[in-house]
Amino acid sequence: MRAFQLYESKEDTVGIIFGRFNPPHKGHFGIAQAVLDQYGRTVVFEITAEPPHKETLTIQQLLQRAKLLQGYDRLFTRKEPLYLDKAKSFPGVPLVLGADAMLRMLDPK
């Protein structure tokens, strides 16, 4: 079962922002608010446990991130490290990217 099935009934009203959120900050929350204001979509914060460019998060770190995002919808993933993988896992759901994520994605390294 996909984790996203929790949102299946309102799939057209959410977008997903991916990251480690270490820590979540005004930029993350500002993006979430802008997506809600401009597109009427609630942002789900996806906490990436195994990012390709950083160390794997421990259970304790994941729980701490979830606590820091209290009041927002959250989900965790392990085996979708790249944005392309994430897009395949959540077909039809908009991916929300911050400028830092976009720069990393476009970096030829």
C-alpha atoms as a PDB file:
ATOM      1  CA  MET A   1       0.000   0.000   0.000  1.00  0.00           C
ATOM      2  CA  ARG A   2       1.319   3.450  -0.869  1.00  0.00           C
ATOM      3  CA  ALA A   3       1.535   5.907   2.002  1.00  0.00           C
ATOM      4  CA  PHE A   4      -0.290   8.423  -0.161  1.00  0.00           C
ATOM      5  CA  GLN A   5      -3.456   6.342  -0.157  1.00  0.00           C
ATOM      6  CA  LEU A   6      -4.276   8.122   3.094  1.00  0.00           C
ATOM      7  CA  TYR A   7      -5.008  11.157   0.900  1.00  0.00           C
ATOM      8  CA  GLU A   8      -6.632   9.382  -2.014  1.00  0.00           C
ATOM      9  CA  SER A   9     -10.035  10.962  -1.478  1.00  0.00           C
ATOM     10  CA  LYS A  10      -8.598  14.474  -1.684  1.00  0.00           C
ATOM     11  CA  GLU A  11      -5.765  13.861  -4.155  1.00  0.00           C
ATOM     12  CA  ASP A  12      -6.695  16.931  -6.186  1.00  0.00           C
ATOM     13  CA  THR A  13      -6.320  19.227  -3.172  1.00  0.00           C
ATOM     14  CA  VAL A  14      -2.756  18.447  -2.061  1.00  0.00           C
ATOM     15  CA  GLY A  15       0.794  19.012  -3.192  1.00  0.00           C
ATOM     16  CA  ILE A  16       3.915  17.449  -1.712  1.00  0.00           C
ATOM     17  CA  ILE A  17       7.079  19.220  -0.619  1.00  0.00           C
ATOM     18  CA  PHE A  18      10.013  16.872  -0.155  1.00  0.00           C
ATOM     19  CA  GLY A  19      12.982  17.343   2.106  1.00  0.00           C
ATOM     20  CA  ARG A  20      14.764  16.670   5.355  1.00  0.00           C
ATOM     21  CA  PHE A  21      13.490  19.856   7.017  1.00  0.00           C
ATOM     22  CA  ASN A  22      16.546  20.287   9.232  1.00  0.00           C
ATOM     23  CA  PRO A  23      14.997  22.339  10.649  1.00  0.00           C
ATOM     24  CA  PRO A  24      11.774  23.413   8.980  1.00  0.00           C
ATOM     25  CA  HIS A  25      11.880  27.189   8.588  1.00  0.00           C
ATOM     26  CA  LYS A  26       9.951  30.216   7.350  1.00  0.00           C
ATOM     27  CA  GLY A  27      10.850  29.391   3.749  1.00  0.00           C
ATOM     28  CA  HIS A  28       9.208  25.949   3.965  1.00  0.00           C
ATOM     29  CA  PHE A  29       6.120  27.327   5.651  1.00  0.00           C
ATOM     30  CA  GLY A  30       5.980  30.267   3.239  1.00  0.00           C
ATOM     31  CA  ILE A  31       5.991  27.903   0.268  1.00  0.00           C
ATOM     32  CA  ALA A  32       3.206  25.865   1.876  1.00  0.00           C
ATOM     33  CA  GLN A  33       1.119  28.999   2.440  1.00  0.00           C
ATOM     34  CA  ALA A  34       1.764  30.277  -1.103  1.00  0.00           C
ATOM     35  CA  VAL A  35       0.644  26.959  -2.605  1.00  0.00           C
ATOM     36  CA  LEU A  36      -2.528  27.097  -0.514  1.00  0.00           C
ATOM     37  CA  ASP A  37      -3.208  30.747  -1.373  1.00  0.00           C
ATOM     38  CA  GLN A  38      -2.442  30.506  -5.096  1.00  0.00           C
ATOM     39  CA  TYR A  39      -3.608  26.994  -5.936  1.00  0.00           C
ATOM     40  CA  GLY A  40      -5.923  25.955  -3.103  1.00  0.00           C
ATOM     41  CA  ARG A  41      -3.736  22.956  -2.314  1.00  0.00           C
ATOM     42  CA  THR A  42      -2.596  21.872   1.115  1.00  0.00           C
ATOM     43  CA  VAL A  43       1.071  20.938   1.236  1.00  0.00           C
ATOM     44  CA  VAL A  44       2.036  17.585   2.700  1.00  0.00           C
ATOM     45  CA  PHE A  45       5.572  17.610   4.089  1.00  0.00           C
ATOM     46  CA  GLU A  46       7.360  14.452   2.961  1.00  0.00           C
ATOM     47  CA  ILE A  47      10.373  13.728   5.127  1.00  0.00           C
ATOM     48  CA  THR A  48      12.986  11.877   3.112  1.00  0.00           C
ATOM     49  CA  ALA A  49      14.676   9.269   5.313  1.00  0.00           C
ATOM     50  CA  GLU A  50      17.315   8.250   2.759  1.00  0.00           C
ATOM     51  CA  PRO A  51      18.264  11.264   0.645  1.00  0.00           C
ATOM     52  CA  PRO A  52      20.865  10.597  -2.066  1.00  0.00           C
ATOM     53  CA  HIS A  53      23.085  13.545  -1.099  1.00  0.00           C
ATOM     54  CA  LYS A  54      23.072  13.268   2.721  1.00  0.00           C
ATOM     55  CA  GLU A  55      23.227  10.638   5.455  1.00  0.00           C
ATOM     56  CA  THR A  56      20.226   8.461   6.310  1.00  0.00           C
ATOM     57  CA  LEU A  57      18.050   9.785   9.125  1.00  0.00           C
ATOM     58  CA  THR A  58      17.594   7.725  12.281  1.00  0.00           C
ATOM     59  CA  ILE A  59      14.183   6.961  13.740  1.00  0.00           C
ATOM     60  CA  GLN A  60      14.838   9.560  16.443  1.00  0.00           C
ATOM     61  CA  GLN A  61      15.671  12.194  13.826  1.00  0.00           C
ATOM     62  CA  LEU A  62      12.538  11.358  11.837  1.00  0.00           C
ATOM     63  CA  LEU A  63      10.373  11.694  14.936  1.00  0.00           C
ATOM     64  CA  GLN A  64      12.017  15.015  15.784  1.00  0.00           C
ATOM     65  CA  ARG A  65      11.303  16.334  12.268  1.00  0.00           C
ATOM     66  CA  ALA A  66       7.686  15.194  12.561  1.00  0.00           C
ATOM     67  CA  LYS A  67       7.419  17.043  15.869  1.00  0.00           C
ATOM     68  CA  LEU A  68       8.867  20.214  14.337  1.00  0.00           C
ATOM     69  CA  LEU A  69       6.212  20.001  11.591  1.00  0.00           C
ATOM     70  CA  GLN A  70       3.362  19.485  14.054  1.00  0.00           C
ATOM     71  CA  GLY A  71       0.159  21.003  12.724  1.00  0.00           C
ATOM     72  CA  TYR A  72       0.997  20.074   9.121  1.00  0.00           C
ATOM     73  CA  ASP A  73       0.329  16.869   7.212  1.00  0.00           C
ATOM     74  CA  ARG A  74       3.487  14.727   7.108  1.00  0.00           C
ATOM     75  CA  LEU A  75       4.631  11.476   5.595  1.00  0.00           C
ATOM     76  CA  PHE A  76       7.919   9.580   5.481  1.00  0.00           C
ATOM     77  CA  THR A  77       9.575   7.821   2.555  1.00  0.00           C
ATOM     78  CA  ARG A  78      12.625   5.593   2.326  1.00  0.00           C
ATOM     79  CA  LYS A  79      13.013   4.189  -1.141  1.00  0.00           C
ATOM     80  CA  GLU A  80      12.251   7.210  -3.317  1.00  0.00           C
ATOM     81  CA  PRO A  81      15.470   9.220  -3.071  1.00  0.00           C
ATOM     82  CA  LEU A  82      15.188  11.151  -6.361  1.00  0.00           C
ATOM     83  CA  TYR A  83      12.464  13.554  -7.458  1.00  0.00           C
ATOM     84  CA  LEU A  84      11.782  11.367 -10.475  1.00  0.00           C
ATOM     85  CA  ASP A  85      11.148   8.405  -8.148  1.00  0.00           C
ATOM     86  CA  LYS A  86       8.864  10.540  -6.000  1.00  0.00           C
ATOM     87  CA  ALA A  87       6.896  11.714  -9.034  1.00  0.00           C
ATOM     88  CA  LYS A  88       6.357   8.091 -10.066  1.00  0.00           C
ATOM     89  CA  SER A  89       5.194   7.181  -6.558  1.00  0.00           C
ATOM     90  CA  PHE A  90       2.630   9.989  -6.452  1.00  0.00           C
ATOM     91  CA  PRO A  91       1.303  10.269 -10.028  1.00  0.00           C
ATOM     92  CA  GLY A  92      -0.771  13.345 -10.717  1.00  0.00           C
ATOM     93  CA  VAL A  93       0.184  15.051  -7.460  1.00  0.00           C
ATOM     94  CA  PRO A  94       2.107  18.316  -7.848  1.00  0.00           C
ATOM     95  CA  LEU A  95       5.619  18.348  -6.438  1.00  0.00           C
ATOM     96  CA  VAL A  96       6.498  21.528  -4.575  1.00  0.00           C
ATOM     97  CA  LEU A  97      10.165  22.523  -4.772  1.00  0.00           C
ATOM     98  CA  GLY A  98      12.150  25.183  -2.979  1.00  0.00           C
ATOM     99  CA  ALA A  99      14.882  27.133  -4.726  1.00  0.00           C
ATOM    100  CA  ASP A 100      17.615  25.126  -2.966  1.00  0.00           C
ATOM    101  CA  ALA A 101      16.147  21.843  -4.196  1.00  0.00           C
ATOM    102  CA  MET A 102      15.857  23.208  -7.727  1.00  0.00           C
ATOM    103  CA  LEU A 103      19.503  24.312  -7.694  1.00  0.00           C
ATOM    104  CA  ARG A 104      20.645  20.863  -6.514  1.00  0.00           C
ATOM    105  CA  MET A 105      18.542  19.156  -9.153  1.00  0.00           C
ATOM    106  CA  LEU A 106      20.020  21.296 -11.930  1.00  0.00           C
ATOM    107  CA  ASP A 107      23.603  20.955 -10.698  1.00  0.00           C
ATOM    108  CA  PRO A 108      25.531  18.868 -13.283  1.00  0.00           C
ATOM    109  CA  LYS A 109      27.422  17.066 -10.474  1.00  0.00           C
END
